[in-house]
Structures are given as C-alpha cells and as structure tokens.
Amino acid sequence: MSDSKAPSADIGRFLLLAAILPGIIYSSTILVFLPTEMAEIDRWMRSAGFESTWPAWTAFAIAVGLILSSICFCIEILLRNFKFFEILFPPLKFSALAEIEAQGKSTAYLNQLLGQAFMHFNIWLGITLIILGWLTYKLLLSCSIWTYVDAIRLVIGDIIVLANLIVASFLYTRADDALNNVLNDELKDDPPIA
C-alpha cells in the first residue's frame, strides 16, 4: 500500500461498519421497543450522580454492538451448514485480502465492501434477535395487551430486518464476486507454467 496509514484506516472503517454502527442501530431499536425501561435506566443513572448520561449510553451502544455482532457471527457460523445460507451469503475468501496486500495493492474498496456486508448482516440478524427478545418479554413477562403502537413497532422492525437481509445478501455476493475478480485478474497476470 502506498499510504502507511491505510491499514489502520481500513481496520477502523471495517470495525465502524461491522460493529459500532450496528451497535448504535441496536441501541436505537432497543429504545424504540422498550422506551419506558430505557427511560428508567436513564433516570437511575442521573440519580446515581451522572451529570451527563451520554458517555454511559455511548459505552452501552458500543458494548451492545460488539456483543450482538459476536452473537450474529456465531449464528452465521452455525448457518453455514445449510445450503440455502451458502446461496444467500457466499463464504468470503479473506485469505485473498492478504494475498492482495502482500502484492502491495490496496484493499480499501474490498474492506469497505466487506464492512458494509457485515454491517447489514449484523443489523438484520441483530434486530431480529432484539425483536424476538421483545416478543418474549411482551408475551411471557408482561402479559399485557398489544397496542397499536406495538404493532407499528413490530411492522417497522420487520421491514428493517427484511431490507437489511436483502442488502446483506447482495453485498456478500458482490464482495465474493469482487474478491474472485481480483484473484482471477492476478492469475491472468502470472506467466503460464510450462
């Protein structure tokens, strides 16, 4: 790579896309689905002496992002055993990134694409897990009657999940194609073995 700061920038961009941004989205989703409970936590933090709760909420978003993203990764590993999953989300050849970088070529675009693929994958699956947790909470713990607002939350959540599922599948396929194209171009550049 020509820019000595590029590897750390690529890693930072990748982590931002794969875990931090999903964490912000997860936290926002939790706030939408459990507004009363989140307000209680905020009130408790203020009564405990926090002048500003922003640092605590930022830490919460990052922690939730890392925790739920790791759970999503575990689920992805388990789902790799099913053919339908391999079709929707082709396995990505990470070793190709190392090969490309070893040749002194930039992988910035590929890192961006992979980060986006993971971000949308984590968002659809993470929000699905949040919705399942919320449904469990609503049905088993509170036993309350569903309201119109609950139905709207569920529909909007389902739309976000479906949209991110479709986008993640598209980006996984695009990333797989991009990695294959780079590898195939490099193979063409090598002299034939006689």
Foldseek 3Di string as FASTA:
>chain_A
DPDPCQVVVLVVLLCCLQFQVLLVVLLVLCCLLCVPVVVVVVVVVVVVPDPDCVVVVSVNSRVLRVVLLVVLVVVLVVCVVDPVSCLLFPDADPVLVVVCVVVVHDCSVLSNLVSNLNNLSSNLVSLVVVVVVSVCCCVPPPVDDDDPSNVVSVVVSVVSNVVSSNVSSVSSVVSRVVSVVVVVVVVVVDDDDD
